[in-house]
C-alpha cells in the first residue's frame, strides 16, 4: 500500500510540474503568437487579393476582347453601311441626271411645237369622212309555188264515142268533172286511135270492135281525136268540155 501511495504522489508531483511547465510555455507562446497571428492574416489577405486581382484581370481581358470584337463588328457594319450609302447616292445621282435629261428633252420637244393660229386651224381641218356602211346581203329563200289542188268530185259519167273512117261522133260533149267511162266503138274498116289531148293516148281500137276506157277528168276543154296517119285531116277530131 505504501508503494502505491508513493507512486501516486510521484505521479501527482509529475503532473503538477508538467502543468506548470505548460503554463509557462503558453505565456511565452502567447507573446510570440501575437506576432505570428499578425503576420499570418497578412499572408492570407495578400493571397486573396492576388486571386481577386487575377480574376479581375481575367474579367477585364474578357471584357476588352468582347469590346474589341464589338468594335470590329461595328467597324465592318459602318464600312458596309458607308458602301451601301455610296451606292444608293450614286444611283440617286444617276436617276436625277436621267430625269433632268428627260425633262430637258421634253422641254425641247414642247418648245419645238409650231404655233398655229385659229385661221390655220380652220384651214387645216380635215373633212369629215362619210361613214360607208357595207350593204347587207339578203339571203333569198326559195319558196316553191303552191300548186292548186283540184279536187275531182266522186261521180261517174258514161259517154259513147263512135269512130268512123272519116269522122268521130260523141254522145255528150259537155261532161261533168269526175270519173268518165268512155265506150269507144270503131265502125270503120280501118283501125284508129282514141286520144284525149293533154290527158292520155288510150291506144288503138280495131275495126268493128268496142273498147272501154275510164279516167278522171277535171274541168276544162279537151280535144278528142285519132292520131293515126292522117285521121285528123279526114275529120276524126272533136272537142269536149268538162264542167264542175
Protein backbone atom coordinates (compact mmCIF):
# COMPACT_ATOMS: atom_id res chain seq x y z
CA UNK A 1 0.00 0.00 0.00
CA UNK A 2 2.81 2.34 0.81
CA UNK A 3 4.33 1.72 -2.56
CA UNK A 4 1.13 2.59 -4.22
CA UNK A 5 0.81 5.76 -2.27
CA UNK A 6 4.37 6.76 -3.12
CA UNK A 7 3.70 6.09 -6.77
CA UNK A 8 0.57 8.22 -6.68
CA UNK A 9 2.47 11.03 -5.02
CA UNK A 10 5.15 10.89 -7.65
CA UNK A 11 2.58 10.87 -10.38
CA UNK A 12 0.81 13.84 -8.89
CA UNK A 13 4.09 15.70 -8.49
CA UNK A 14 4.97 14.99 -12.08
CA UNK A 15 1.61 16.19 -13.24
CA UNK A 16 1.97 19.38 -11.25
CA UNK A 17 5.36 20.04 -12.70
CA UNK A 18 4.17 19.40 -16.22
CA UNK A 19 1.20 21.66 -15.68
CA UNK A 20 3.47 24.48 -14.51
CA UNK A 21 5.76 23.96 -17.46
CA UNK A 22 2.80 24.01 -19.82
CA UNK A 23 1.56 27.25 -18.32
CA UNK A 24 4.95 28.88 -18.68
CA UNK A 25 5.17 27.70 -22.24
CA UNK A 26 1.71 29.08 -23.00
CA UNK A 27 2.63 32.51 -21.64
CA UNK A 28 5.75 32.67 -23.79
CA UNK A 29 3.96 31.40 -26.83
CA UNK A 30 1.21 33.97 -26.42
CA UNK A 31 3.65 36.80 -26.92
CA UNK A 32 5.24 35.20 -29.92
CA UNK A 33 1.87 34.02 -31.18
CA UNK A 34 0.59 37.54 -31.31
CA UNK A 35 3.32 38.44 -33.75
CA UNK A 36 2.71 35.32 -35.72
CA UNK A 37 -1.03 35.94 -35.78
CA UNK A 38 -0.48 39.46 -37.09
CA UNK A 39 1.72 38.26 -39.89
CA UNK A 40 -0.41 35.26 -40.80
CA UNK A 41 -3.57 37.24 -41.70
CA UNK A 42 -1.43 39.42 -43.87
CA UNK A 43 -0.34 36.46 -45.94
CA UNK A 44 -3.89 35.23 -46.25
CA UNK A 45 -5.17 38.67 -47.33
CA UNK A 46 -2.39 39.03 -49.83
CA UNK A 47 -3.21 35.66 -51.36
CA UNK A 48 -6.88 36.57 -51.58
CA UNK A 49 -6.11 39.94 -53.12
CA UNK A 50 -3.84 38.25 -55.63
CA UNK A 51 -6.58 35.85 -56.58
CA UNK A 52 -9.11 38.69 -56.77
CA UNK A 53 -6.73 40.70 -58.92
CA UNK A 54 -6.17 37.73 -61.18
CA UNK A 55 -9.92 37.18 -61.59
CA UNK A 56 -10.44 40.90 -62.19
CA UNK A 57 -7.70 40.96 -64.80
CA UNK A 58 -9.26 37.95 -66.49
CA UNK A 59 -12.65 39.65 -66.48
CA UNK A 60 -11.12 42.85 -67.80
CA UNK A 61 -9.33 40.94 -70.57
CA UNK A 62 -12.58 39.16 -71.50
CA UNK A 63 -14.44 42.49 -71.49
CA UNK A 64 -11.75 44.10 -73.61
CA UNK A 65 -11.83 41.15 -76.04
CA UNK A 66 -15.60 41.50 -76.30
CA UNK A 67 -15.30 45.23 -76.83
CA UNK A 68 -12.66 44.64 -79.49
CA UNK A 69 -14.92 42.16 -81.24
CA UNK A 70 -17.88 44.55 -80.97
CA UNK A 71 -15.71 47.35 -82.27
CA UNK A 72 -14.59 45.26 -85.24
CA UNK A 73 -18.20 44.31 -85.97
CA UNK A 74 -19.32 47.93 -85.71
CA UNK A 75 -16.46 48.95 -87.97
CA UNK A 76 -17.47 46.33 -90.50
CA UNK A 77 -21.11 47.46 -90.27
CA UNK A 78 -20.10 51.07 -90.65
CA UNK A 79 -18.00 50.19 -93.70
CA UNK A 80 -20.84 48.21 -95.28
CA UNK A 81 -23.32 50.97 -94.44
CA UNK A 82 -20.96 53.52 -95.93
CA UNK A 83 -20.56 51.48 -99.13
CA UNK A 84 -24.34 50.98 -99.39
CA UNK A 85 -24.91 54.69 -98.86
CA UNK A 86 -22.36 55.48 -101.54
CA UNK A 87 -24.04 53.08 -103.98
CA UNK A 88 -27.50 54.50 -103.24
CA UNK A 89 -26.17 58.01 -103.62
CA UNK A 90 -24.65 57.08 -106.98
CA UNK A 91 -27.91 55.50 -108.15
CA UNK A 92 -29.90 58.53 -106.99
CA UNK A 93 -27.50 60.81 -108.81
CA UNK A 94 -27.83 58.71 -111.98
CA UNK A 95 -31.63 58.82 -111.70
CA UNK A 96 -31.55 62.56 -111.17
CA UNK A 97 -29.38 63.00 -114.23
CA UNK A 98 -31.72 60.80 -116.30
CA UNK A 99 -34.76 62.72 -115.07
CA UNK A 100 -33.08 66.02 -115.82
CA UNK A 101 -32.17 64.82 -119.30
CA UNK A 102 -35.73 63.60 -119.91
CA UNK A 103 -37.16 66.90 -118.69
CA UNK A 104 -34.77 68.79 -120.93
CA UNK A 105 -35.78 66.70 -123.94
CA UNK A 106 -39.47 67.13 -123.08
CA UNK A 107 -38.97 70.88 -122.87
CA UNK A 108 -37.16 70.85 -126.18
CA UNK A 109 -39.97 68.87 -127.76
CA UNK A 110 -42.59 71.19 -126.33
CA UNK A 111 -40.70 74.26 -127.45
CA UNK A 112 -40.37 72.87 -130.95
CA UNK A 113 -44.17 72.63 -131.41
CA UNK A 114 -45.24 75.15 -134.07
CA UNK A 115 -47.66 77.82 -133.04
CA UNK A 116 -50.76 77.64 -135.19
CA UNK A 117 -53.26 80.44 -135.43
CA UNK A 118 -57.01 79.97 -135.40
CA UNK A 119 -57.17 80.64 -139.16
CA UNK A 120 -54.62 77.92 -139.88
CA UNK A 121 -56.55 75.58 -137.62
CA UNK A 122 -59.72 76.20 -139.53
CA UNK A 123 -57.90 75.70 -142.83
CA UNK A 124 -56.09 72.52 -141.82
CA UNK A 125 -59.19 70.78 -140.53
CA UNK A 126 -59.70 67.52 -142.35
CA UNK A 127 -63.10 66.97 -143.95
CA UNK A 128 -65.34 64.57 -142.17
CA UNK A 129 -65.28 61.27 -143.98
CA UNK A 130 -68.71 59.82 -144.61
CA UNK A 131 -69.41 56.56 -142.91
CA UNK A 132 -69.63 53.89 -145.54
CA UNK A 133 -71.84 51.06 -144.50
CA UNK A 134 -71.41 47.79 -146.29
CA UNK A 135 -74.58 46.57 -147.94
CA UNK A 136 -76.23 43.80 -146.06
CA UNK A 137 -76.67 40.77 -148.20
CA UNK A 138 -80.18 39.48 -148.06
CA UNK A 139 -80.44 35.75 -148.44
CA UNK A 140 -83.38 34.93 -150.62
CA UNK A 141 -85.04 31.73 -149.65
CA UNK A 142 -86.70 29.87 -152.46
CA UNK A 143 -90.35 29.32 -151.79
CA UNK A 144 -91.81 26.88 -154.30
CA UNK A 145 -95.13 27.92 -155.77
CA UNK A 146 -98.14 26.40 -154.17
CA UNK A 147 -99.82 24.03 -156.54
CA UNK A 148 -103.51 24.31 -156.71
CA UNK A 149 -105.10 21.11 -155.61
CA UNK A 150 -108.00 20.37 -157.89
CA UNK A 151 -110.46 18.14 -156.22
CA UNK A 152 -112.44 15.94 -158.57
CA UNK A 153 -115.85 15.06 -157.28
CA UNK A 154 -116.53 11.41 -156.78
CA UNK A 155 -119.13 10.87 -159.55
CA UNK A 156 -119.26 8.81 -162.75
CA UNK A 157 -120.43 9.64 -166.24
CA UNK A 158 -120.86 7.22 -169.14
CA UNK A 159 -120.06 8.52 -172.66
CA UNK A 160 -120.27 6.71 -176.05
CA UNK A 161 -117.86 7.58 -178.82
CA UNK A 162 -118.36 6.34 -182.44
CA UNK A 163 -115.34 6.38 -184.74
CA UNK A 164 -115.67 6.24 -188.49
CA UNK A 165 -113.07 6.29 -191.20
CA UNK A 166 -113.83 9.95 -191.99
CA UNK A 167 -115.24 11.33 -188.71
CA UNK A 168 -116.00 10.95 -184.98
CA UNK A 169 -119.24 11.26 -183.04
CA UNK A 170 -119.51 11.86 -179.24
CA UNK A 171 -122.79 11.22 -177.48
CA UNK A 172 -122.30 14.07 -174.90
CA UNK A 173 -119.85 16.93 -175.37
CA UNK A 174 -120.47 18.74 -172.04
CA UNK A 175 -119.34 16.37 -169.29
CA UNK A 176 -119.31 16.95 -165.51
CA UNK A 177 -115.93 16.60 -163.84
CA UNK A 178 -115.18 13.33 -162.14
CA UNK A 179 -114.90 9.76 -163.34
CA UNK A 180 -115.80 9.30 -167.00
CA UNK A 181 -116.38 5.89 -168.64
CA UNK A 182 -115.77 6.04 -172.41
CA UNK A 183 -117.26 3.30 -174.61
CA UNK A 184 -115.44 3.65 -177.94
CA UNK A 185 -116.97 1.87 -180.99
CA UNK A 186 -114.88 1.63 -184.18
CA UNK A 187 -117.45 1.40 -187.00
CA UNK A 188 -114.92 1.89 -189.84
CA UNK A 189 -112.95 -0.51 -191.93
CA UNK A 190 -109.58 0.57 -190.51
CA UNK A 191 -108.12 0.69 -187.01
CA UNK A 192 -107.96 4.07 -185.29
CA UNK A 193 -106.64 5.52 -182.01
CA UNK A 194 -108.55 7.15 -179.14
CA UNK A 195 -106.71 10.17 -177.70
CA UNK A 196 -107.78 12.92 -175.24
CA UNK A 197 -105.45 15.82 -175.84
CA UNK A 198 -103.20 16.71 -172.85
CA UNK A 199 -104.55 13.77 -170.85
CA UNK A 200 -103.82 10.35 -172.36
CA UNK A 201 -103.48 8.25 -175.53
CA UNK A 202 -105.57 5.16 -174.84
CA UNK A 203 -104.23 3.27 -177.86
CA UNK A 204 -105.53 1.53 -180.95
CA UNK A 205 -109.12 0.42 -181.48
CA UNK A 206 -109.52 -2.27 -184.11
CA UNK A 207 -112.27 -2.05 -186.76
CA UNK A 208 -115.69 -3.44 -185.89
CA UNK A 209 -114.72 -3.63 -182.18
CA UNK A 210 -115.67 -1.81 -178.98
CA UNK A 211 -113.19 -0.72 -176.27
CA UNK A 212 -113.91 0.75 -172.80
CA UNK A 213 -111.68 3.37 -171.13
CA UNK A 214 -112.10 5.00 -167.66
CA UNK A 215 -110.39 8.19 -166.46
CA UNK A 216 -110.89 11.09 -164.01
CA UNK A 217 -111.20 14.47 -165.68
CA UNK A 218 -111.03 17.93 -164.15
CA UNK A 219 -112.79 20.97 -165.51
CA UNK A 220 -111.55 22.30 -168.86
CA UNK A 221 -111.81 21.89 -172.66
CA UNK A 222 -110.13 18.89 -174.25
CA UNK A 223 -109.71 17.59 -177.86
CA UNK A 224 -110.75 14.02 -178.67
CA UNK A 225 -109.07 12.66 -181.84
CA UNK A 226 -107.23 9.84 -183.58
CA UNK A 227 -103.53 10.34 -184.08
CA UNK A 228 -103.10 7.56 -186.66
CA UNK A 229 -101.69 8.64 -190.07
CA UNK A 230 -103.90 11.44 -191.48
CA UNK A 231 -107.05 10.73 -189.41
CA UNK A 232 -107.28 14.31 -188.05
CA UNK A 233 -107.23 15.71 -191.61
CA UNK A 234 -110.09 13.39 -192.52
CA UNK A 235 -112.21 14.74 -189.70
CA UNK A 236 -111.51 12.34 -186.82
CA UNK A 237 -111.36 15.21 -184.28
CA UNK A 238 -113.85 16.83 -181.90
CA UNK A 239 -113.96 18.73 -178.55
CA UNK A 240 -115.48 18.04 -175.15
CA UNK A 241 -115.93 20.46 -172.23
CA UNK A 242 -115.65 19.23 -168.67
CA UNK A 243 -117.51 21.38 -166.18
CA UNK A 244 -117.70 21.34 -162.39
